[in-house]
């Protein structure tokens, strides 16, 4: 009971920041920046002014770890395999190559720049899947540091802002149709709010299609978190016995953490239409708000000076991967006859 009481102050502060971030997002004329990014920046700003004391530190840690995992579970209620069937095979073809580019190219780029594999792959996940939601989902699986989560979020945000401005201009210069542009935007722009902003800046039809493609792309969170859970467990097993690899140490129970199992279970249940649309919408809204609160807590736990120590290499990594994904998405569309 005492532990629960100790968590309340920090948790309430994170919820307050989340509410402020959500309110600020609602005031924006176009959704070019999500509440998640706003919250993490507010948190980092507060940390610069005054570091959290012991009274709220416990609650912030609880929110950034436990509440984040709970928000990921609820996210499963908004995912449905049926979305794939609505969008069609064309989007899946493009997504296959953009995800391959994000993670394959991200791995090579991260090695070249000498980045920690956790930070490198969070940036790749944010670029290849869905920005902040993907980073938030991968972070607890690989036990990422708060400062790395904040850096990865910041990197994807910066390139999202550029894409919102440049995509409609480039789409018209290239002469893309509404479908081609929507597919390009839905597979190459990172965060959902940015996809919506960039999509509808071109046309209503392009915005509608881009949003559907983005929802399909979000489903790749499921295999991604499982793969990274497996990778993380193998690395831990290797470190536990020195230089000798000991793959038998990786247990199935460790590979499928409880919150990932619950997340997948909800996604499966929703895919069969067992969760009413209204309930699914409500759970998604709760998930989003709690995720914003968790990211606010991460921001409050992050010292900007620690991020600066990482240098510009993570930003360079983000730029390279974002550029590659944008180019690959166009090339694949050309070969399948949409351009």
Protein backbone atom coordinates (compact mmCIF):
# COMPACT_ATOMS: atom_id res chain seq x y z
CA UNK A 1 0.00 0.00 0.00
CA UNK A 2 2.83 2.39 0.88
CA UNK A 3 4.44 1.74 -2.50
CA UNK A 4 1.18 2.56 -4.28
CA UNK A 5 0.82 5.81 -2.31
CA UNK A 6 4.40 6.77 -3.16
CA UNK A 7 3.60 6.38 -6.87
CA UNK A 8 0.60 8.70 -6.82
CA UNK A 9 2.32 12.15 -6.94
CA UNK A 10 4.50 11.32 -9.96
CA UNK A 11 1.65 9.56 -11.73
CA UNK A 12 -0.70 12.53 -11.24
CA UNK A 13 1.93 14.95 -12.57
CA UNK A 14 2.40 12.77 -15.67
CA UNK A 15 -1.39 12.70 -16.19
CA UNK A 16 -1.54 16.50 -15.85
CA UNK A 17 1.19 16.94 -18.47
CA UNK A 18 -0.64 14.46 -20.72
CA UNK A 19 -3.85 16.47 -20.38
CA UNK A 20 -2.00 19.71 -21.21
CA UNK A 21 -0.32 18.09 -24.23
CA UNK A 22 -3.63 16.70 -25.49
CA UNK A 23 -5.28 20.09 -25.06
CA UNK A 24 -2.47 21.85 -26.94
CA UNK A 25 -2.79 19.30 -29.75
CA UNK A 26 -6.53 20.02 -29.99
CA UNK A 27 -5.83 23.73 -30.45
CA UNK A 28 -3.64 23.20 -33.51
CA UNK A 29 -5.32 24.04 -36.85
CA UNK A 30 -3.81 20.91 -38.45
CA UNK A 31 -2.52 17.81 -36.61
CA UNK A 32 1.14 18.28 -37.51
CA UNK A 33 2.43 17.34 -34.05
CA UNK A 34 1.02 14.69 -31.75
CA UNK A 35 0.38 14.94 -28.03
CA UNK A 36 3.10 12.34 -27.40
CA UNK A 37 5.82 14.62 -28.75
CA UNK A 38 4.38 17.66 -26.95
CA UNK A 39 4.29 15.74 -23.65
CA UNK A 40 7.85 14.46 -23.88
CA UNK A 41 9.10 17.97 -24.69
CA UNK A 42 7.14 19.48 -21.78
CA UNK A 43 8.62 16.83 -19.49
CA UNK A 44 12.15 17.50 -20.71
CA UNK A 45 11.58 21.23 -20.23
CA UNK A 46 10.48 20.71 -16.63
CA UNK A 47 13.54 18.54 -16.02
CA UNK A 48 15.75 21.40 -17.22
CA UNK A 49 14.10 23.81 -14.79
CA UNK A 50 13.99 21.45 -11.82
CA UNK A 51 14.89 17.79 -11.57
CA UNK A 52 12.26 15.47 -10.02
CA UNK A 53 12.67 14.97 -6.29
CA UNK A 54 12.24 11.67 -4.45
CA UNK A 55 8.58 12.43 -3.75
CA UNK A 56 7.62 12.18 -7.43
CA UNK A 57 10.53 10.10 -8.79
CA UNK A 58 8.91 6.79 -7.84
CA UNK A 59 5.64 7.68 -9.59
CA UNK A 60 7.43 8.82 -12.72
CA UNK A 61 9.30 5.53 -12.92
CA UNK A 62 6.06 3.62 -12.38
CA UNK A 63 4.36 5.60 -15.15
CA UNK A 64 7.22 5.30 -17.64
CA UNK A 65 7.49 1.52 -17.13
CA UNK A 66 4.26 -0.05 -15.85
CA UNK A 67 1.72 2.39 -17.26
CA UNK A 68 3.50 2.37 -20.63
CA UNK A 69 3.16 -1.42 -20.81
CA UNK A 70 -0.52 -1.20 -19.89
CA UNK A 71 -1.11 1.39 -22.63
CA UNK A 72 0.49 -0.97 -25.16
CA UNK A 73 -1.90 -3.75 -24.09
CA UNK A 74 -4.90 -1.49 -24.70
CA UNK A 75 -3.49 -0.51 -28.11
CA UNK A 76 -4.15 -4.09 -29.24
CA UNK A 77 -7.90 -3.46 -29.03
CA UNK A 78 -7.64 -1.01 -31.95
CA UNK A 79 -5.71 -3.30 -34.29
CA UNK A 80 -7.47 -5.58 -36.73
CA UNK A 81 -6.32 -7.95 -39.45
CA UNK A 82 -9.40 -6.83 -41.37
CA UNK A 83 -7.69 -3.49 -42.03
CA UNK A 84 -5.19 -5.29 -44.26
CA UNK A 85 -8.01 -6.71 -46.37
CA UNK A 86 -9.52 -3.25 -46.82
CA UNK A 87 -6.32 -1.66 -48.06
CA UNK A 88 -5.15 -4.50 -50.30
CA UNK A 89 -1.99 -6.18 -51.49
CA UNK A 90 -0.46 -3.05 -53.05
CA UNK A 91 0.11 -1.41 -49.67
CA UNK A 92 1.53 -4.64 -48.24
CA UNK A 93 4.07 -4.85 -51.07
CA UNK A 94 5.29 -1.31 -50.47
CA UNK A 95 5.32 -1.80 -46.69
CA UNK A 96 7.38 -4.97 -46.98
CA UNK A 97 10.17 -3.08 -48.73
CA UNK A 98 9.98 0.04 -46.56
CA UNK A 99 10.18 -2.05 -43.37
CA UNK A 100 13.09 -4.02 -44.85
CA UNK A 101 14.79 -0.73 -45.66
CA UNK A 102 14.12 0.77 -42.22
CA UNK A 103 15.48 -2.16 -40.22
CA UNK A 104 18.05 -3.54 -42.68
CA UNK A 105 19.38 -0.12 -43.61
CA UNK A 106 19.05 0.99 -39.99
CA UNK A 107 21.19 -1.90 -38.79
CA UNK A 108 23.98 -1.12 -41.27
CA UNK A 109 23.77 2.64 -40.66
CA UNK A 110 23.80 2.15 -36.89
CA UNK A 111 26.90 -0.04 -37.16
CA UNK A 112 28.60 2.53 -39.41
CA UNK A 113 27.83 5.39 -37.00
CA UNK A 114 28.73 3.34 -33.93
CA UNK A 115 25.32 3.71 -32.27
CA UNK A 116 23.99 1.56 -29.46
CA UNK A 117 21.75 -1.10 -31.04
CA UNK A 118 18.77 -0.15 -28.87
CA UNK A 119 18.78 3.52 -29.89
CA UNK A 120 19.44 2.61 -33.52
CA UNK A 121 16.53 0.18 -33.72
CA UNK A 122 14.10 2.47 -31.90
CA UNK A 123 14.78 5.12 -34.54
CA UNK A 124 14.30 2.48 -37.24
CA UNK A 125 11.04 1.32 -35.62
CA UNK A 126 9.76 4.88 -35.40
CA UNK A 127 10.66 5.50 -39.04
CA UNK A 128 9.47 2.18 -40.42
CA UNK A 129 6.26 1.65 -38.45
CA UNK A 130 4.44 4.49 -36.73
CA UNK A 131 6.65 6.98 -34.96
CA UNK A 132 6.08 7.37 -31.23
CA UNK A 133 3.75 4.38 -30.80
CA UNK A 134 6.32 1.98 -32.27
CA UNK A 135 9.14 3.46 -30.19
CA UNK A 136 6.98 3.22 -27.07
CA UNK A 137 6.11 -0.41 -27.85
CA UNK A 138 9.70 -1.51 -28.55
CA UNK A 139 11.33 0.39 -25.64
CA UNK A 140 10.13 -1.80 -22.72
CA UNK A 141 10.83 -5.00 -24.66
CA UNK A 142 14.52 -4.12 -25.11
CA UNK A 143 14.77 -2.27 -21.76
CA UNK A 144 15.81 0.98 -23.42
CA UNK A 145 17.03 3.96 -21.40
CA UNK A 146 14.69 6.92 -21.03
CA UNK A 147 17.18 9.28 -22.68
CA UNK A 148 17.37 7.00 -25.73
CA UNK A 149 13.57 6.88 -25.96
CA UNK A 150 13.47 10.68 -25.82
CA UNK A 151 16.19 10.97 -28.47
CA UNK A 152 14.45 8.51 -30.79
CA UNK A 153 11.15 10.38 -30.40
CA UNK A 154 12.87 13.71 -31.09
CA UNK A 155 14.59 12.37 -34.21
CA UNK A 156 11.40 11.01 -35.77
CA UNK A 157 9.54 14.22 -34.89
CA UNK A 158 12.04 16.46 -36.69
CA UNK A 159 11.82 14.48 -39.91
CA UNK A 160 8.04 14.26 -39.67
CA UNK A 161 7.88 18.07 -39.65
CA UNK A 162 9.95 18.19 -42.84
CA UNK A 163 7.78 15.56 -44.51
CA UNK A 164 4.53 17.40 -43.75
CA UNK A 165 5.83 20.41 -45.66
CA UNK A 166 7.70 18.64 -48.46
CA UNK A 167 5.43 15.69 -49.31
CA UNK A 168 2.50 17.64 -50.84
CA UNK A 169 4.97 19.73 -52.85
CA UNK A 170 6.92 16.71 -54.11
CA UNK A 171 3.72 14.74 -54.77
CA UNK A 172 2.41 17.43 -57.09
CA UNK A 173 5.80 17.89 -58.77
CA UNK A 174 5.98 14.16 -59.52
CA UNK A 175 2.34 14.13 -60.62
CA UNK A 176 1.13 11.42 -58.25
CA UNK A 177 -2.50 10.33 -58.24
CA UNK A 178 -4.51 10.44 -55.02
CA UNK A 179 -4.02 6.68 -54.50
CA UNK A 180 -0.28 6.78 -55.27
CA UNK A 181 0.27 9.77 -53.01
CA UNK A 182 -1.82 8.28 -50.20
CA UNK A 183 0.13 5.03 -50.42
CA UNK A 184 3.44 6.92 -50.45
CA UNK A 185 2.47 9.05 -47.46
CA UNK A 186 0.99 6.15 -45.50
CA UNK A 187 4.14 4.05 -45.89
CA UNK A 188 6.88 6.70 -45.66
CA UNK A 189 5.73 9.32 -43.11
CA UNK A 190 6.27 8.28 -39.49
CA UNK A 191 3.71 9.38 -36.90
CA UNK A 192 -0.04 8.97 -37.45
CA UNK A 193 -0.78 12.67 -36.90
CA UNK A 194 1.87 13.56 -39.47
CA UNK A 195 0.42 11.09 -42.00
CA UNK A 196 -3.00 12.69 -41.57
CA UNK A 197 -1.56 16.20 -41.97
CA UNK A 198 0.53 15.35 -45.04
CA UNK A 199 -2.22 13.22 -46.61
CA UNK A 200 -5.07 15.72 -46.41
CA UNK A 201 -2.76 18.56 -47.47
CA UNK A 202 -2.76 16.87 -50.90
CA UNK A 203 -6.44 15.94 -51.17
CA UNK A 204 -9.27 14.41 -49.17
CA UNK A 205 -9.10 11.14 -51.12
CA UNK A 206 -5.33 10.93 -50.60
CA UNK A 207 -5.76 11.62 -46.89
CA UNK A 208 -8.39 8.89 -46.51
CA UNK A 209 -6.22 6.30 -48.25
CA UNK A 210 -3.06 7.37 -46.41
CA UNK A 211 -4.84 6.92 -43.08
CA UNK A 212 -5.99 3.38 -44.00
CA UNK A 213 -2.48 2.46 -45.12
CA UNK A 214 -1.09 3.85 -41.87
CA UNK A 215 -3.47 1.71 -39.80
CA UNK A 216 -2.30 -1.36 -41.71
CA UNK A 217 1.31 -0.38 -41.15
CA UNK A 218 0.66 -0.13 -37.41
CA UNK A 219 -0.08 -3.87 -37.34
CA UNK A 220 3.62 -4.55 -37.97
CA UNK A 221 4.17 -3.56 -34.32
CA UNK A 222 3.13 -7.11 -33.39
CA UNK A 223 5.89 -9.06 -35.20
CA UNK A 224 8.39 -6.27 -34.50
CA UNK A 225 8.07 -6.42 -30.71
CA UNK A 226 8.26 -10.22 -30.80
CA UNK A 227 11.42 -10.16 -32.91
CA UNK A 228 13.09 -7.59 -30.67
CA UNK A 229 12.05 -9.52 -27.58
CA UNK A 230 13.80 -12.56 -29.06
CA UNK A 231 16.92 -10.54 -29.98
CA UNK A 232 17.10 -8.96 -26.53
CA UNK A 233 16.78 -12.30 -24.77
CA UNK A 234 19.53 -13.82 -26.92
CA UNK A 235 21.87 -10.93 -26.23
CA UNK A 236 21.21 -11.19 -22.49
CA UNK A 237 21.81 -14.93 -22.62
CA UNK A 238 25.10 -14.37 -24.43
CA UNK A 239 26.26 -11.81 -21.88
CA UNK A 240 25.33 -14.09 -18.99
CA UNK A 241 27.99 -16.64 -20.01
CA UNK A 242 30.69 -14.27 -21.24
CA UNK A 243 31.84 -14.65 -24.81
CA UNK A 244 30.13 -18.01 -25.33
CA UNK A 245 26.66 -17.90 -26.86
CA UNK A 246 24.06 -19.81 -24.89
CA UNK A 247 20.82 -19.77 -26.84
CA UNK A 248 19.26 -22.43 -24.63
CA UNK A 249 19.04 -19.78 -21.92
CA UNK A 250 16.32 -18.03 -23.92
CA UNK A 251 13.04 -19.26 -22.46
CA UNK A 252 9.71 -19.00 -24.23
CA UNK A 253 8.26 -17.26 -21.16
CA UNK A 254 10.94 -14.56 -21.47
CA UNK A 255 10.40 -14.25 -25.21
CA UNK A 256 6.71 -13.43 -24.72
CA UNK A 257 6.46 -10.92 -21.84
CA UNK A 258 3.02 -10.81 -20.22
CA UNK A 259 2.10 -7.42 -21.65
CA UNK A 260 3.01 -8.47 -25.20
CA UNK A 261 0.89 -11.62 -24.84
CA UNK A 262 -2.03 -9.50 -23.60
CA UNK A 263 -1.46 -7.02 -26.46
CA UNK A 264 -1.56 -9.80 -29.09
CA UNK A 265 -4.59 -11.42 -27.46
CA UNK A 266 -6.58 -8.17 -27.65
CA UNK A 267 -5.54 -7.68 -31.28
CA UNK A 268 -6.72 -11.21 -32.15
CA UNK A 269 -10.01 -10.74 -30.30
CA UNK A 270 -10.61 -7.45 -32.12
CA UNK A 271 -9.75 -9.05 -35.47
CA UNK A 272 -12.67 -11.46 -35.00
CA UNK A 273 -14.99 -8.55 -34.27
CA UNK A 274 -15.55 -9.58 -30.66
CA UNK A 275 -14.84 -6.10 -29.33
CA UNK A 276 -17.65 -3.61 -30.13
CA UNK A 277 -16.55 -0.65 -32.23
CA UNK A 278 -17.44 1.82 -29.47
CA UNK A 279 -15.42 -0.14 -26.89
CA UNK A 280 -12.48 -0.43 -29.28
CA UNK A 281 -12.56 3.32 -29.86
CA UNK A 282 -12.69 4.00 -26.11
CA UNK A 283 -9.82 1.62 -25.33
CA UNK A 284 -7.74 3.21 -28.09
CA UNK A 285 -8.37 6.67 -26.62
CA UNK A 286 -7.39 5.47 -23.13
CA UNK A 287 -4.31 3.76 -24.56
CA UNK A 288 -3.26 6.92 -26.36
CA UNK A 289 -3.72 9.10 -23.27
CA UNK A 290 -1.82 6.73 -20.97
CA UNK A 291 0.96 6.45 -23.54
CA UNK A 292 1.17 10.26 -23.60
CA UNK A 293 1.39 10.24 -19.79
CA UNK A 294 4.14 7.60 -19.90
CA UNK A 295 6.10 9.65 -22.41
CA UNK A 296 5.64 12.74 -20.24
CA UNK A 297 7.20 10.78 -17.37
CA UNK A 298 10.05 9.69 -19.64
CA UNK A 299 10.57 13.35 -20.57
CA UNK A 300 10.71 14.36 -16.91
CA UNK A 301 13.30 11.65 -16.30
CA UNK A 302 15.43 12.83 -19.22
CA UNK A 303 18.24 15.32 -18.87
CA UNK A 304 18.85 17.16 -22.15
CA UNK A 305 22.56 17.22 -21.33
CA UNK A 306 22.58 13.42 -21.44
CA UNK A 307 21.02 13.50 -24.89
CA UNK A 308 23.66 15.97 -26.08
CA UNK A 309 26.34 13.47 -25.10
CA UNK A 310 25.01 11.15 -27.81
CA UNK A 311 26.03 13.75 -30.42
CA UNK A 312 24.53 14.16 -33.88
CA UNK A 313 25.01 10.58 -35.05
CA UNK A 314 21.49 9.46 -34.05
CA UNK A 315 20.06 12.39 -36.02
CA UNK A 316 22.22 11.45 -39.01
CA UNK A 317 20.92 7.89 -38.64
CA UNK A 318 17.32 9.15 -38.62
CA UNK A 319 17.89 11.32 -41.70
CA UNK A 320 19.48 8.50 -43.71
CA UNK A 321 16.77 5.97 -42.87
CA UNK A 322 13.93 8.45 -43.45
CA UNK A 323 15.37 9.42 -46.84
CA UNK A 324 15.84 5.78 -47.85
CA UNK A 325 12.28 4.86 -46.87
CA UNK A 326 10.86 7.81 -48.84
CA UNK A 327 12.84 6.83 -51.95
CA UNK A 328 12.16 3.08 -51.69
CA UNK A 329 8.41 3.67 -51.29
CA UNK A 330 8.38 5.60 -54.58
CA UNK A 331 10.57 3.07 -56.41
CA UNK A 332 8.33 0.14 -55.40
CA UNK A 333 5.24 2.04 -56.56
CA UNK A 334 6.93 2.64 -59.91
CA UNK A 335 7.62 -1.06 -60.41
CA UNK A 336 4.09 -2.13 -59.47
CA UNK A 337 2.67 0.38 -61.94
CA UNK A 338 1.14 3.06 -59.71
CA UNK A 339 3.46 5.79 -60.96
